[in-house]
Amino acid sequence: MPTRKSPTSAEKKTTTRKAPARKTAQVDAAHVVDSVVAKRIPTYEEIAILAEQFWNERGRPFGSPEIDWLRAEATLHAA
């Protein structure tokens, strides 16, 4: 059985590796507009009006206005 010789430098095949393709983010313009419209930030006045409504519904208790304000913010952001 003949022995196998290693190839000489002239016989070696040179291979070149390609750099991996970079992934680019492709964003649909309509999708961006829809997400901006859907995530409208409520104004200070809108939050204040709703917070006052919540305060009135709770019987206008003394102290802790943050409870109504935070509830109004959460309600408007969820909408």
PDB file of N, CA and C in Angstrom:
ATOM      1  N   MET A   1       0.832  -1.167   0.000  1.00  0.00           N
ATOM      2  CA  MET A   1       0.000   0.000   0.000  1.00  0.00           C
ATOM      3  C   MET A   1       0.885   1.241   0.000  1.00  0.00           C
ATOM      4  N   PRO A   2       0.625   2.148  -0.937  1.00  0.00           N
ATOM      5  CA  PRO A   2       1.477   3.333  -1.025  1.00  0.00           C
ATOM      6  C   PRO A   2       1.155   4.310   0.097  1.00  0.00           C
ATOM      7  N   THR A   3       2.138   5.019   0.538  1.00  0.00           N
ATOM      8  CA  THR A   3       1.933   6.025   1.580  1.00  0.00           C
ATOM      9  C   THR A   3       1.562   7.350   0.932  1.00  0.00           C
ATOM     10  N   ARG A   4       0.805   8.067   1.641  1.00  0.00           N
ATOM     11  CA  ARG A   4       0.330   9.348   1.116  1.00  0.00           C
ATOM     12  C   ARG A   4       1.323  10.432   1.470  1.00  0.00           C
ATOM     13  N   LYS A   5       1.653  11.226   0.498  1.00  0.00           N
ATOM     14  CA  LYS A   5       2.566  12.343   0.710  1.00  0.00           C
ATOM     15  C   LYS A   5       1.753  13.596   1.008  1.00  0.00           C
ATOM     16  N   SER A   6       2.341  14.432   1.800  1.00  0.00           N
ATOM     17  CA  SER A   6       1.684  15.716   2.035  1.00  0.00           C
ATOM     18  C   SER A   6       1.895  16.590   0.803  1.00  0.00           C
ATOM     19  N   PRO A   7       0.894  17.400   0.459  1.00  0.00           N
ATOM     20  CA  PRO A   7       1.035  18.222  -0.739  1.00  0.00           C
ATOM     21  C   PRO A   7       2.097  19.294  -0.563  1.00  0.00           C
ATOM     22  N   THR A   8       2.714  19.633  -1.629  1.00  0.00           N
ATOM     23  CA  THR A   8       3.710  20.701  -1.600  1.00  0.00           C
ATOM     24  C   THR A   8       2.983  22.036  -1.598  1.00  0.00           C
ATOM     25  N   SER A   9       3.694  23.078  -1.352  1.00  0.00           N
ATOM     26  CA  SER A   9       3.063  24.392  -1.276  1.00  0.00           C
ATOM     27  C   SER A   9       2.392  24.772  -2.593  1.00  0.00           C
ATOM     28  N   ALA A  10       2.896  24.323  -3.710  1.00  0.00           N
ATOM     29  CA  ALA A  10       2.292  24.627  -5.008  1.00  0.00           C
ATOM     30  C   ALA A  10       0.987  23.857  -5.187  1.00  0.00           C
ATOM     31  N   GLU A  11       0.896  22.714  -4.555  1.00  0.00           N
ATOM     32  CA  GLU A  11      -0.301  21.898  -4.712  1.00  0.00           C
ATOM     33  C   GLU A  11      -1.395  22.256  -3.713  1.00  0.00           C
ATOM     34  N   LYS A  12      -1.048  22.965  -2.678  1.00  0.00           N
ATOM     35  CA  LYS A  12      -2.042  23.333  -1.660  1.00  0.00           C
ATOM     36  C   LYS A  12      -3.041  24.319  -2.230  1.00  0.00           C
ATOM     37  N   LYS A  13      -4.274  24.087  -1.909  1.00  0.00           N
ATOM     38  CA  LYS A  13      -5.317  25.009  -2.342  1.00  0.00           C
ATOM     39  C   LYS A  13      -5.431  26.131  -1.316  1.00  0.00           C
ATOM     40  N   THR A  14      -5.505  27.316  -1.819  1.00  0.00           N
ATOM     41  CA  THR A  14      -5.689  28.442  -0.914  1.00  0.00           C
ATOM     42  C   THR A  14      -7.167  28.766  -0.871  1.00  0.00           C
ATOM     43  N   THR A  15      -7.659  28.897   0.299  1.00  0.00           N
ATOM     44  CA  THR A  15      -9.062  29.271   0.459  1.00  0.00           C
ATOM     45  C   THR A  15      -9.121  30.612   1.158  1.00  0.00           C
ATOM     46  N   THR A  16     -10.052  31.383   0.750  1.00  0.00           N
ATOM     47  CA  THR A  16     -10.248  32.674   1.398  1.00  0.00           C
ATOM     48  C   THR A  16     -11.578  32.640   2.116  1.00  0.00           C
ATOM     49  N   ARG A  17     -11.583  33.135   3.299  1.00  0.00           N
ATOM     50  CA  ARG A  17     -12.809  33.182   4.062  1.00  0.00           C
ATOM     51  C   ARG A  17     -13.433  34.557   3.899  1.00  0.00           C
ATOM     52  N   LYS A  18     -14.715  34.527   3.707  1.00  0.00           N
ATOM     53  CA  LYS A  18     -15.429  35.799   3.627  1.00  0.00           C
ATOM     54  C   LYS A  18     -15.826  36.213   5.032  1.00  0.00           C
ATOM     55  N   ALA A  19     -15.800  37.489   5.241  1.00  0.00           N
ATOM     56  CA  ALA A  19     -16.246  38.001   6.530  1.00  0.00           C
ATOM     57  C   ALA A  19     -17.753  37.767   6.628  1.00  0.00           C
ATOM     58  N   PRO A  20     -18.247  37.463   7.813  1.00  0.00           N
ATOM     59  CA  PRO A  20     -19.682  37.245   7.944  1.00  0.00           C
ATOM     60  C   PRO A  20     -20.454  38.516   7.580  1.00  0.00           C
ATOM     61  N   ALA A  21     -21.565  38.316   6.946  1.00  0.00           N
ATOM     62  CA  ALA A  21     -22.378  39.454   6.522  1.00  0.00           C
ATOM     63  C   ALA A  21     -22.932  40.158   7.752  1.00  0.00           C
ATOM     64  N   ARG A  22     -22.893  41.450   7.724  1.00  0.00           N
ATOM     65  CA  ARG A  22     -23.427  42.224   8.846  1.00  0.00           C
ATOM     66  C   ARG A  22     -24.936  42.310   8.718  1.00  0.00           C
ATOM     67  N   LYS A  23     -25.570  42.168   9.845  1.00  0.00           N
ATOM     68  CA  LYS A  23     -27.027  42.284   9.855  1.00  0.00           C
ATOM     69  C   LYS A  23     -27.384  43.753   9.999  1.00  0.00           C
ATOM     70  N   THR A  24     -28.206  44.215   9.103  1.00  0.00           N
ATOM     71  CA  THR A  24     -28.639  45.600   9.175  1.00  0.00           C
ATOM     72  C   THR A  24     -30.092  45.629   9.585  1.00  0.00           C
ATOM     73  N   ALA A  25     -30.407  46.587  10.378  1.00  0.00           N
ATOM     74  CA  ALA A  25     -31.788  46.712  10.832  1.00  0.00           C
ATOM     75  C   ALA A  25     -32.598  47.407   9.754  1.00  0.00           C
ATOM     76  N   GLN A  26     -33.570  46.699   9.263  1.00  0.00           N
ATOM     77  CA  GLN A  26     -34.459  47.282   8.273  1.00  0.00           C
ATOM     78  C   GLN A  26     -35.777  47.601   8.962  1.00  0.00           C
ATOM     79  N   VAL A  27     -36.100  48.860   8.985  1.00  0.00           N
ATOM     80  CA  VAL A  27     -37.285  49.307   9.691  1.00  0.00           C
ATOM     81  C   VAL A  27     -38.294  49.817   8.672  1.00  0.00           C
ATOM     82  N   ASP A  28     -39.491  49.343   8.801  1.00  0.00           N
ATOM     83  CA  ASP A  28     -40.565  49.786   7.931  1.00  0.00           C
ATOM     84  C   ASP A  28     -41.038  51.155   8.425  1.00  0.00           C
ATOM     85  N   ALA A  29     -41.095  52.122   7.540  1.00  0.00           N
ATOM     86  CA  ALA A  29     -41.466  53.487   7.932  1.00  0.00           C
ATOM     87  C   ALA A  29     -42.879  53.548   8.492  1.00  0.00           C
ATOM     88  N   ALA A  30     -43.795  52.783   7.933  1.00  0.00           N
ATOM     89  CA  ALA A  30     -45.168  52.790   8.432  1.00  0.00           C
ATOM     90  C   ALA A  30     -45.226  52.244   9.855  1.00  0.00           C
ATOM     91  N   HIS A  31     -44.394  51.260  10.154  1.00  0.00           N
ATOM     92  CA  HIS A  31     -44.366  50.683  11.490  1.00  0.00           C
ATOM     93  C   HIS A  31     -43.872  51.704  12.506  1.00  0.00           C
ATOM     94  N   VAL A  32     -42.892  52.493  12.133  1.00  0.00           N
ATOM     95  CA  VAL A  32     -42.357  53.514  13.031  1.00  0.00           C
ATOM     96  C   VAL A  32     -43.421  54.554  13.328  1.00  0.00           C
ATOM     97  N   VAL A  33     -44.138  54.985  12.309  1.00  0.00           N
ATOM     98  CA  VAL A  33     -45.186  55.984  12.501  1.00  0.00           C
ATOM     99  C   VAL A  33     -46.276  55.420  13.394  1.00  0.00           C
ATOM    100  N   ASP A  34     -46.684  54.168  13.180  1.00  0.00           N
ATOM    101  CA  ASP A  34     -47.722  53.557  14.002  1.00  0.00           C
ATOM    102  C   ASP A  34     -47.288  53.467  15.460  1.00  0.00           C
ATOM    103  N   SER A  35     -46.033  53.102  15.714  1.00  0.00           N
ATOM    104  CA  SER A  35     -45.584  52.968  17.090  1.00  0.00           C
ATOM    105  C   SER A  35     -45.487  54.327  17.777  1.00  0.00           C
ATOM    106  N   VAL A  36     -45.147  55.371  17.021  1.00  0.00           N
ATOM    107  CA  VAL A  36     -45.077  56.712  17.602  1.00  0.00           C
ATOM    108  C   VAL A  36     -46.472  57.198  17.952  1.00  0.00           C
ATOM    109  N   VAL A  37     -47.428  56.955  17.077  1.00  0.00           N
ATOM    110  CA  VAL A  37     -48.802  57.377  17.341  1.00  0.00           C
ATOM    111  C   VAL A  37     -49.381  56.581  18.504  1.00  0.00           C
ATOM    112  N   ALA A  38     -49.081  55.286  18.552  1.00  0.00           N
ATOM    113  CA  ALA A  38     -49.619  54.437  19.605  1.00  0.00           C
ATOM    114  C   ALA A  38     -49.028  54.776  20.969  1.00  0.00           C
ATOM    115  N   LYS A  39     -47.819  55.304  21.025  1.00  0.00           N
ATOM    116  CA  LYS A  39     -47.166  55.584  22.292  1.00  0.00           C
ATOM    117  C   LYS A  39     -47.109  57.080  22.568  1.00  0.00           C
ATOM    118  N   ARG A  40     -48.224  57.765  22.382  1.00  0.00           N
ATOM    119  CA  ARG A  40     -48.279  59.189  22.650  1.00  0.00           C
ATOM    120  C   ARG A  40     -48.168  59.416  24.157  1.00  0.00           C
ATOM    121  N   ILE A  41     -47.360  60.350  24.537  1.00  0.00           N
ATOM    122  CA  ILE A  41     -47.147  60.651  25.954  1.00  0.00           C
ATOM    123  C   ILE A  41     -48.235  61.618  26.414  1.00  0.00           C
ATOM    124  N   PRO A  42     -48.938  61.266  27.496  1.00  0.00           N
ATOM    125  CA  PRO A  42     -49.994  62.168  27.986  1.00  0.00           C
ATOM    126  C   PRO A  42     -49.399  63.461  28.533  1.00  0.00           C
ATOM    127  N   THR A  43     -50.142  64.524  28.402  1.00  0.00           N
ATOM    128  CA  THR A  43     -49.675  65.829  28.874  1.00  0.00           C
ATOM    129  C   THR A  43     -49.884  65.960  30.378  1.00  0.00           C
ATOM    130  N   TYR A  44     -49.252  66.955  30.945  1.00  0.00           N
ATOM    131  CA  TYR A  44     -49.390  67.240  32.373  1.00  0.00           C
ATOM    132  C   TYR A  44     -50.848  67.517  32.720  1.00  0.00           C
ATOM    133  N   GLU A  45     -51.517  68.288  31.862  1.00  0.00           N
ATOM    134  CA  GLU A  45     -52.912  68.646  32.126  1.00  0.00           C
ATOM    135  C   GLU A  45     -53.822  67.422  32.099  1.00  0.00           C
ATOM    136  N   GLU A  46     -53.595  66.499  31.164  1.00  0.00           N
ATOM    137  CA  GLU A  46     -54.418  65.292  31.087  1.00  0.00           C
ATOM    138  C   GLU A  46     -54.259  64.446  32.352  1.00  0.00           C
ATOM    139  N   ILE A  47     -53.028  64.335  32.820  1.00  0.00           N
ATOM    140  CA  ILE A  47     -52.782  63.567  34.043  1.00  0.00           C
ATOM    141  C   ILE A  47     -53.432  64.257  35.237  1.00  0.00           C
ATOM    142  N   ALA A  48     -53.315  65.573  35.309  1.00  0.00           N
ATOM    143  CA  ALA A  48     -53.882  66.324  36.436  1.00  0.00           C
ATOM    144  C   ALA A  48     -55.402  66.196  36.477  1.00  0.00           C
ATOM    145  N   ILE A  49     -56.050  66.267  35.322  1.00  0.00           N
ATOM    146  CA  ILE A  49     -57.517  66.160  35.276  1.00  0.00           C
ATOM    147  C   ILE A  49     -57.967  64.778  35.743  1.00  0.00           C
ATOM    148  N   LEU A  50     -57.310  63.739  35.244  1.00  0.00           N
ATOM    149  CA  LEU A  50     -57.682  62.388  35.636  1.00  0.00           C
ATOM    150  C   LEU A  50     -57.358  62.121  37.106  1.00  0.00           C
ATOM    151  N   ALA A  51     -56.238  62.640  37.586  1.00  0.00           N
ATOM    152  CA  ALA A  51     -55.874  62.470  39.001  1.00  0.00           C
ATOM    153  C   ALA A  51     -56.916  63.141  39.899  1.00  0.00           C
ATOM    154  N   GLU A  52     -57.399  64.303  39.499  1.00  0.00           N
ATOM    155  CA  GLU A  52     -58.431  64.977  40.285  1.00  0.00           C
ATOM    156  C   GLU A  52     -59.732  64.183  40.289  1.00  0.00           C
ATOM    157  N   GLN A  53     -60.053  63.564  39.159  1.00  0.00           N
ATOM    158  CA  GLN A  53     -61.252  62.711  39.105  1.00  0.00           C
ATOM    159  C   GLN A  53     -61.117  61.530  40.067  1.00  0.00           C
ATOM    160  N   PHE A  54     -59.944  60.904  40.062  1.00  0.00           N
ATOM    161  CA  PHE A  54     -59.716  59.783  40.975  1.00  0.00           C
ATOM    162  C   PHE A  54     -59.804  60.246  42.436  1.00  0.00           C
ATOM    163  N   TRP A  55     -59.264  61.429  42.720  1.00  0.00           N
ATOM    164  CA  TRP A  55     -59.292  61.990  44.074  1.00  0.00           C
ATOM    165  C   TRP A  55     -60.728  62.240  44.517  1.00  0.00           C
ATOM    166  N   ASN A  56     -61.527  62.796  43.602  1.00  0.00           N
ATOM    167  CA  ASN A  56     -62.945  63.032  43.918  1.00  0.00           C
ATOM    168  C   ASN A  56     -63.685  61.717  44.149  1.00  0.00           C
ATOM    169  N   GLU A  57     -63.382  60.700  43.353  1.00  0.00           N
ATOM    170  CA  GLU A  57     -64.032  59.401  43.513  1.00  0.00           C
ATOM    171  C   GLU A  57     -63.684  58.765  44.862  1.00  0.00           C
ATOM    172  N   ARG A  58     -62.500  59.061  45.373  1.00  0.00           N
ATOM    173  CA  ARG A  58     -62.084  58.498  46.663  1.00  0.00           C
ATOM    174  C   ARG A  58     -62.612  59.309  47.837  1.00  0.00           C
ATOM    175  N   GLY A  59     -63.399  60.323  47.581  1.00  0.00           N
ATOM    176  CA  GLY A  59     -63.990  61.111  48.662  1.00  0.00           C
ATOM    177  C   GLY A  59     -63.123  62.268  49.125  1.00  0.00           C
ATOM    178  N   ARG A  60     -62.180  62.693  48.303  1.00  0.00           N
ATOM    179  CA  ARG A  60     -61.298  63.825  48.578  1.00  0.00           C
ATOM    180  C   ARG A  60     -60.596  63.712  49.921  1.00  0.00           C
ATOM    181  N   PRO A  61     -59.872  62.589  50.139  1.00  0.00           N
ATOM    182  CA  PRO A  61     -59.189  62.430  51.429  1.00  0.00           C
ATOM    183  C   PRO A  61     -58.000  63.376  51.562  1.00  0.00           C
ATOM    184  N   PHE A  62     -57.605  63.611  52.802  1.00  0.00           N
ATOM    185  CA  PHE A  62     -56.469  64.480  53.083  1.00  0.00           C
ATOM    186  C   PHE A  62     -55.171  63.710  52.851  1.00  0.00           C
ATOM    187  N   GLY A  63     -54.194  64.341  52.180  1.00  0.00           N
ATOM    188  CA  GLY A  63     -52.866  63.773  51.993  1.00  0.00           C
ATOM    189  C   GLY A  63     -52.776  62.737  50.880  1.00  0.00           C
ATOM    190  N   SER A  64     -51.577  62.338  50.582  1.00  0.00           N
ATOM    191  CA  SER A  64     -51.241  61.313  49.583  1.00  0.00           C
ATOM    192  C   SER A  64     -51.786  61.580  48.178  1.00  0.00           C
ATOM    193  N   PRO A  65     -51.508  62.748  47.599  1.00  0.00           N
ATOM    194  CA  PRO A  65     -51.966  62.992  46.230  1.00  0.00           C
ATOM    195  C   PRO A  65     -51.200  62.147  45.199  1.00  0.00           C
ATOM    196  N   GLU A  66     -50.055  61.604  45.638  1.00  0.00           N
ATOM    197  CA  GLU A  66     -49.249  60.787  44.722  1.00  0.00           C
ATOM    198  C   GLU A  66     -49.998  59.542  44.261  1.00  0.00           C
ATOM    199  N   ILE A  67     -50.845  59.004  45.111  1.00  0.00           N
ATOM    200  CA  ILE A  67     -51.600  57.796  44.770  1.00  0.00           C
ATOM    201  C   ILE A  67     -52.449  58.051  43.532  1.00  0.00           C
ATOM    202  N   ASP A  68     -53.196  59.146  43.559  1.00  0.00           N
ATOM    203  CA  ASP A  68     -54.071  59.472  42.419  1.00  0.00           C
ATOM    204  C   ASP A  68     -53.264  59.851  41.186  1.00  0.00           C
ATOM    205  N   TRP A  69     -52.164  60.568  41.384  1.00  0.00           N
ATOM    206  CA  TRP A  69     -51.327  60.989  40.252  1.00  0.00           C
ATOM    207  C   TRP A  69     -50.715  59.773  39.555  1.00  0.00           C
ATOM    208  N   LEU A  70     -50.149  58.862  40.338  1.00  0.00           N
ATOM    209  CA  LEU A  70     -49.525  57.675  39.756  1.00  0.00           C
ATOM    210  C   LEU A  70     -50.550  56.769  39.076  1.00  0.00           C
ATOM    211  N   ARG A  71     -51.745  56.688  39.679  1.00  0.00           N
ATOM    212  CA  ARG A  71     -52.802  55.885  39.048  1.00  0.00           C
ATOM    213  C   ARG A  71     -53.227  56.527  37.726  1.00  0.00           C
ATOM    214  N   ALA A  72     -53.323  57.845  37.677  1.00  0.00           N
ATOM    215  CA  ALA A  72     -53.704  58.537  36.436  1.00  0.00           C
ATOM    216  C   ALA A  72     -52.640  58.355  35.369  1.00  0.00           C
ATOM    217  N   GLU A  73     -51.357  58.467  35.755  1.00  0.00           N
ATOM    218  CA  GLU A  73     -50.278  58.237  34.792  1.00  0.00           C
ATOM    219  C   GLU A  73     -50.333  56.827  34.229  1.00  0.00           C
ATOM    220  N   ALA A  74     -50.482  55.844  35.083  1.00  0.00           N
ATOM    221  CA  ALA A  74     -50.523  54.453  34.649  1.00  0.00           C
ATOM    222  C   ALA A  74     -51.718  54.202  33.717  1.00  0.00           C
ATOM    223  N   THR A  75     -52.855  54.799  34.051  1.00  0.00           N
ATOM    224  CA  THR A  75     -54.055  54.624  33.232  1.00  0.00           C
ATOM    225  C   THR A  75     -53.858  55.234  31.837  1.00  0.00           C
ATOM    226  N   LEU A  76     -53.303  56.424  31.775  1.00  0.00           N
ATOM    227  CA  LEU A  76     -53.127  57.095  30.492  1.00  0.00           C
ATOM    228  C   LEU A  76     -52.018  56.453  29.652  1.00  0.00           C
ATOM    229  N   HIS A  77     -50.979  55.956  30.289  1.00  0.00           N
ATOM    230  CA  HIS A  77     -49.906  55.292  29.539  1.00  0.00           C
ATOM    231  C   HIS A  77     -50.365  53.958  28.984  1.00  0.00           C
ATOM    232  N   ALA A  78     -51.271  53.293  29.686  1.00  0.00           N
ATOM    233  CA  ALA A  78     -51.779  51.993  29.236  1.00  0.00           C
ATOM    234  C   ALA A  78     -52.733  52.151  28.061  1.00  0.00           C
ATOM    235  N   ALA A  79     -53.344  53.300  27.942  1.00  0.00           N
ATOM    236  CA  ALA A  79     -54.338  53.515  26.876  1.00  0.00           C
ATOM    237  C   ALA A  79     -53.717  53.693  25.523  1.00  0.00           C
TER     238      ALA A  79
END
